[in-house]
Amino acid sequence: MGKTVPGATREADLATVRQFEAAGFRAWPASAVHYDGTWVVRLTAGHPAKRLNSVNPLDPNDVRDLPDRIMRAGRRFDAYGRPLTFRLSPLGGPVLVRHLGDEGWADFGHSLVMRMDLETPAVHGAMDQIPLRDMGRFVAASMQTHGADPALRAGMSEIIGAIQPEAGLFVLEQDERPVASAICVHDGELAGLFEVATAGTERGKGHGRRLLLSALKWARLRGARQAWLQVEADNFAARRLYETLGFGELYRYHYRRRPEP
């Protein structure tokens, strides 16, 4: 279990969860967004990521007409060729979680939202690095460090191009090849880290740590006071890295997907 930052609890207060959920929507935008009450329905034709293709409830008390609303959401997902998926943070609430469980929806993709204070010696002393301005070069490097399907390149470019807050595109190279990459989205007092990756043959050499500290320093110098990120609960190597940097668990979320007919 990850440590918690000062003032945070395992069950973060709902106002704090809403703040970070909203920051996540701004920092990693879906191509289409619809609202059904306080449910945010996010869909993206060009990329299959769960975060970009999910229903995100934002009020645990908004549980009226669940079967009809789920059916409406399903029609939207069918139109995009995506499986209907709910992303359930603490804002989902027990009633909806119980309803989906009773209906046999699969439970998967457990993840943590983590945050840290940027006023730390490690961030202050990090190496200065200027983000890339060439988005095409960054996307190519990111695809390489992730080992991602080249077919997703256009979708990734579209997502990055749609980010509204200031986005720093960071790549660490060695021998003229990318060894680590990350996106740091500066949004007021928050700095969100996305698409963090180290090339498979370069892991364990400190590249990721160095790059992330430089990205966080860049955001701090622009006024950010807290950093945050999302990481899958079973990605223990990444969690250890983030914890050594000073990140602690804020809250958790998971996905539910309806059973096949």
Protein backbone atom coordinates (compact mmCIF):
# COMPACT_ATOMS: atom_id res chain seq x y z
CA MET A 1 0.00 0.00 0.00
CA GLY A 2 1.31 3.41 -0.94
CA LYS A 3 1.86 6.05 1.67
CA THR A 4 -0.54 8.97 1.86
CA VAL A 5 0.39 12.60 1.51
CA PRO A 6 -0.15 14.90 4.49
CA GLY A 7 -3.80 15.82 4.86
CA ALA A 8 -5.01 13.02 2.54
CA THR A 9 -7.01 10.00 3.60
CA ARG A 10 -7.72 6.68 1.96
CA GLU A 11 -11.28 7.91 1.33
CA ALA A 12 -10.64 11.37 -0.03
CA ASP A 13 -13.43 13.89 0.47
CA LEU A 14 -15.73 14.13 -2.54
CA ALA A 15 -14.92 17.78 -3.27
CA THR A 16 -11.25 16.86 -3.65
CA VAL A 17 -12.12 13.90 -5.87
CA ARG A 18 -14.24 16.17 -8.08
CA GLN A 19 -11.34 18.62 -8.37
CA PHE A 20 -8.95 15.96 -9.61
CA GLU A 21 -11.52 14.26 -11.82
CA ALA A 22 -12.22 17.58 -13.53
CA ALA A 23 -8.49 18.18 -13.97
CA GLY A 24 -8.22 14.76 -15.58
CA PHE A 25 -10.97 15.53 -18.08
CA ARG A 26 -9.26 18.77 -19.07
CA ALA A 27 -5.81 17.24 -19.28
CA TRP A 28 -6.76 14.15 -21.27
CA PRO A 29 -9.75 15.19 -23.40
CA ALA A 30 -12.11 12.82 -25.17
CA SER A 31 -13.16 13.76 -28.68
CA ALA A 32 -16.88 13.64 -27.77
CA VAL A 33 -18.42 14.43 -24.38
CA HIS A 34 -22.10 13.99 -23.47
CA TYR A 35 -23.91 14.53 -20.18
CA ASP A 36 -26.71 12.53 -18.63
CA GLY A 37 -27.43 14.22 -15.34
CA THR A 38 -24.07 14.21 -13.60
CA TRP A 39 -22.73 11.33 -15.68
CA VAL A 40 -19.98 12.41 -18.08
CA VAL A 41 -20.00 10.15 -21.14
CA ARG A 42 -16.60 10.32 -22.87
CA LEU A 43 -16.00 8.75 -26.27
CA THR A 44 -13.02 8.87 -28.64
CA ALA A 45 -13.14 7.27 -32.07
CA GLY A 46 -9.39 7.55 -32.66
CA HIS A 47 -8.11 5.85 -29.50
CA PRO A 48 -9.39 2.84 -27.49
CA ALA A 49 -8.09 3.91 -24.03
CA LYS A 50 -10.60 3.23 -21.25
CA ARG A 51 -10.24 6.72 -19.78
CA LEU A 52 -11.30 8.17 -23.13
CA ASN A 53 -14.21 5.76 -23.63
CA SER A 54 -16.15 5.51 -20.40
CA VAL A 55 -19.09 6.79 -18.39
CA ASN A 56 -17.85 8.82 -15.41
CA PRO A 57 -20.45 9.45 -12.66
CA LEU A 58 -19.75 12.58 -10.60
CA ASP A 59 -22.42 12.42 -7.88
CA PRO A 60 -23.08 9.32 -5.75
CA ASN A 61 -26.69 10.48 -5.22
CA ASP A 62 -27.51 10.66 -8.94
CA VAL A 63 -28.98 7.17 -9.24
CA ARG A 64 -32.42 7.76 -10.76
CA ASP A 65 -33.63 5.65 -13.71
CA LEU A 66 -30.47 3.58 -13.83
CA PRO A 67 -31.63 0.95 -16.38
CA ASP A 68 -32.86 3.58 -18.87
CA ARG A 69 -29.74 5.74 -18.54
CA ILE A 70 -27.44 2.75 -18.90
CA MET A 71 -29.34 1.77 -22.04
CA ARG A 72 -28.95 5.28 -23.48
CA ALA A 73 -25.22 5.25 -22.76
CA GLY A 74 -24.98 1.85 -24.40
CA ARG A 75 -26.44 3.20 -27.62
CA ARG A 76 -23.79 5.91 -27.73
CA PHE A 77 -21.01 3.38 -27.19
CA ASP A 78 -22.45 1.07 -29.84
CA ALA A 79 -22.37 3.94 -32.34
CA TYR A 80 -18.62 4.28 -31.70
CA GLY A 81 -18.00 0.55 -31.74
CA ARG A 82 -16.86 0.65 -28.11
CA PRO A 83 -17.90 -1.66 -25.27
CA LEU A 84 -20.02 0.15 -22.69
CA THR A 85 -17.68 0.87 -19.77
CA PHE A 86 -18.14 2.71 -16.48
CA ARG A 87 -15.21 4.33 -14.71
CA LEU A 88 -16.09 4.39 -11.02
CA SER A 89 -14.28 6.74 -8.65
CA PRO A 90 -15.65 7.41 -5.14
CA LEU A 91 -18.12 9.70 -6.95
CA GLY A 92 -19.82 6.63 -8.40
CA GLY A 93 -21.30 5.76 -5.03
CA PRO A 94 -22.39 2.42 -3.55
CA VAL A 95 -25.85 2.31 -5.15
CA LEU A 96 -24.55 2.33 -8.72
CA VAL A 97 -21.70 -0.03 -7.88
CA ARG A 98 -24.16 -2.46 -6.31
CA HIS A 99 -26.53 -2.20 -9.28
CA LEU A 100 -23.78 -2.99 -11.78
CA GLY A 101 -22.54 -5.84 -9.60
CA ASP A 102 -26.03 -7.33 -9.36
CA GLU A 103 -26.28 -7.16 -13.15
CA GLY A 104 -23.05 -9.12 -13.54
CA TRP A 105 -20.80 -6.34 -14.81
CA ALA A 106 -17.11 -7.30 -14.80
CA ASP A 107 -14.84 -5.46 -12.36
CA PHE A 108 -11.35 -4.63 -13.70
CA GLY A 109 -8.67 -1.98 -14.17
CA HIS A 110 -8.22 -0.93 -10.53
CA SER A 111 -6.10 2.24 -10.42
CA LEU A 112 -4.78 4.84 -8.00
CA VAL A 113 -4.80 8.61 -8.21
CA MET A 114 -1.65 9.85 -6.49
CA ARG A 115 -0.43 13.36 -5.67
CA MET A 116 2.60 15.10 -4.19
CA ASP A 117 3.72 18.53 -3.02
CA LEU A 118 6.09 20.17 -5.51
CA GLU A 119 7.98 22.12 -2.84
CA THR A 120 10.58 19.42 -2.33
CA PRO A 121 14.37 19.46 -2.61
CA ALA A 122 14.28 16.81 -5.36
CA VAL A 123 12.06 18.98 -7.58
CA HIS A 124 13.97 22.19 -6.79
CA GLY A 125 17.25 20.52 -7.67
CA ALA A 126 16.09 18.76 -10.82
CA MET A 127 17.81 19.34 -14.14
CA ASP A 128 16.17 22.02 -16.25
CA GLN A 129 14.71 20.67 -19.47
CA ILE A 130 12.81 22.51 -22.17
CA PRO A 131 9.75 20.62 -23.47
CA LEU A 132 9.60 19.65 -27.13
CA ARG A 133 7.62 21.94 -29.42
CA ASP A 134 7.45 19.40 -32.23
CA MET A 135 4.39 17.29 -31.42
CA GLY A 136 5.10 14.83 -34.22
CA ARG A 137 8.55 14.14 -32.84
CA PHE A 138 7.15 13.67 -29.35
CA VAL A 139 4.41 11.29 -30.47
CA ALA A 140 6.93 9.19 -32.40
CA ALA A 141 9.19 9.02 -29.33
CA SER A 142 6.28 8.20 -27.02
CA MET A 143 5.06 5.41 -29.28
CA GLN A 144 8.59 3.99 -29.25
CA THR A 145 9.07 4.10 -25.47
CA HIS A 146 5.61 2.57 -24.94
CA GLY A 147 6.08 -0.05 -27.63
CA ALA A 148 2.67 1.07 -28.88
CA ASP A 149 0.81 0.12 -32.04
CA PRO A 150 1.78 2.63 -34.77
CA ALA A 151 -1.87 2.67 -35.86
CA LEU A 152 -2.65 4.70 -32.73
CA ARG A 153 -0.35 7.55 -33.72
CA ALA A 154 -3.04 9.70 -35.35
CA GLY A 155 -5.38 9.26 -32.38
CA MET A 156 -2.65 10.17 -29.90
CA SER A 157 -1.78 13.27 -31.90
CA GLU A 158 -5.43 14.31 -31.87
CA ILE A 159 -5.67 13.92 -28.09
CA ILE A 160 -2.50 15.91 -27.40
CA GLY A 161 -3.58 18.63 -29.80
CA ALA A 162 -6.91 18.98 -27.95
CA ILE A 163 -5.37 19.51 -24.49
CA GLN A 164 -6.53 22.94 -23.32
CA PRO A 165 -4.15 23.63 -20.40
CA GLU A 166 -0.45 24.11 -21.11
CA ALA A 167 1.12 20.76 -21.97
CA GLY A 168 4.84 20.08 -21.69
CA LEU A 169 6.06 17.26 -23.94
CA PHE A 170 9.18 15.68 -22.45
CA VAL A 171 11.56 13.16 -24.00
CA LEU A 172 14.89 11.93 -22.64
CA GLU A 173 17.25 10.67 -25.33
CA GLN A 174 20.42 8.64 -25.22
CA ASP A 175 22.55 7.96 -28.28
CA GLU A 176 19.93 9.81 -30.34
CA ARG A 177 17.10 7.47 -29.37
CA PRO A 178 14.29 8.04 -26.85
CA VAL A 179 14.66 6.20 -23.55
CA ALA A 180 11.86 7.90 -21.57
CA SER A 181 8.88 10.14 -22.30
CA ALA A 182 6.06 11.89 -20.46
CA ILE A 183 3.48 14.63 -20.77
CA CYS A 184 3.13 17.18 -17.96
CA VAL A 185 -0.08 19.23 -18.07
CA HIS A 186 0.10 22.48 -16.12
CA ASP A 187 -3.39 23.50 -14.99
CA GLY A 188 -3.29 26.31 -12.42
CA GLU A 189 -1.88 24.92 -9.18
CA LEU A 190 -1.95 21.35 -10.50
CA ALA A 191 0.50 19.46 -12.68
CA GLY A 192 -0.75 16.18 -14.15
CA LEU A 193 1.56 13.49 -15.52
CA PHE A 194 0.40 11.40 -18.46
CA GLU A 195 1.80 8.78 -20.85
CA VAL A 196 4.84 8.15 -18.67
CA ALA A 197 7.04 5.43 -20.12
CA THR A 198 10.60 4.13 -20.19
CA ALA A 199 11.83 1.96 -23.06
CA GLY A 200 11.86 -1.69 -22.03
CA THR A 201 15.62 -2.16 -22.36
CA GLU A 202 16.32 1.02 -20.37
CA ARG A 203 14.27 0.42 -17.24
CA GLY A 204 15.92 0.54 -13.84
CA LYS A 205 18.57 3.05 -14.92
CA GLY A 206 16.97 6.17 -13.46
CA HIS A 207 15.81 7.68 -16.75
CA GLY A 208 12.18 7.90 -15.72
CA ARG A 209 12.98 9.52 -12.39
CA ARG A 210 15.23 12.11 -14.01
CA LEU A 211 12.68 12.99 -16.68
CA LEU A 212 9.75 13.26 -14.26
CA LEU A 213 11.64 15.53 -11.88
CA SER A 214 12.56 17.84 -14.76
CA ALA A 215 8.93 17.90 -15.92
CA LEU A 216 7.69 18.66 -12.41
CA LYS A 217 10.25 21.44 -12.01
CA TRP A 218 9.02 22.95 -15.28
CA ALA A 219 5.44 22.94 -13.95
CA ARG A 220 6.44 24.31 -10.53
CA LEU A 221 8.21 27.25 -12.14
CA ARG A 222 4.93 28.02 -13.91
CA GLY A 223 2.95 28.12 -10.67
CA ALA A 224 1.95 24.51 -10.01
CA ARG A 225 1.97 23.53 -6.35
CA GLN A 226 0.80 19.91 -6.50
CA ALA A 227 1.48 17.11 -8.96
CA TRP A 228 -0.84 14.19 -9.62
CA LEU A 229 -1.05 11.09 -11.77
CA GLN A 230 -3.01 7.92 -12.34
CA VAL A 231 -1.42 4.47 -12.20
CA GLU A 232 -2.78 0.94 -12.35
CA ALA A 233 -2.82 -0.67 -8.92
CA ASP A 234 -0.86 -3.73 -10.06
CA ASN A 235 1.92 -1.70 -11.72
CA PHE A 236 4.16 -2.08 -8.70
CA ALA A 237 7.35 -0.88 -10.40
CA ALA A 238 5.74 2.43 -11.39
CA ARG A 239 4.16 2.83 -7.97
CA ARG A 240 7.54 2.36 -6.27
CA LEU A 241 9.07 5.02 -8.50
CA TYR A 242 6.26 7.47 -7.78
CA GLU A 243 6.42 6.83 -4.05
CA THR A 244 10.17 7.49 -3.97
CA LEU A 245 9.48 10.81 -5.69
CA GLY A 246 7.00 11.73 -2.95
CA PHE A 247 3.63 10.71 -4.40
CA GLY A 248 1.02 9.25 -2.08
CA GLU A 249 -2.36 7.65 -2.71
CA LEU A 250 -5.30 10.05 -2.83
CA TYR A 251 -8.16 7.81 -4.01
CA ARG A 252 -8.86 4.83 -6.22
CA TYR A 253 -11.12 4.03 -9.16
CA HIS A 254 -11.96 0.99 -11.23
CA TYR A 255 -13.86 0.04 -14.37
CA ARG A 256 -16.98 -1.99 -14.92
CA ARG A 257 -17.95 -3.47 -18.27
CA ARG A 258 -21.31 -5.02 -19.06
CA PRO A 259 -21.41 -8.73 -19.83
CA GLU A 260 -21.60 -9.83 -23.44
CA PRO A 261 -25.16 -10.74 -24.53
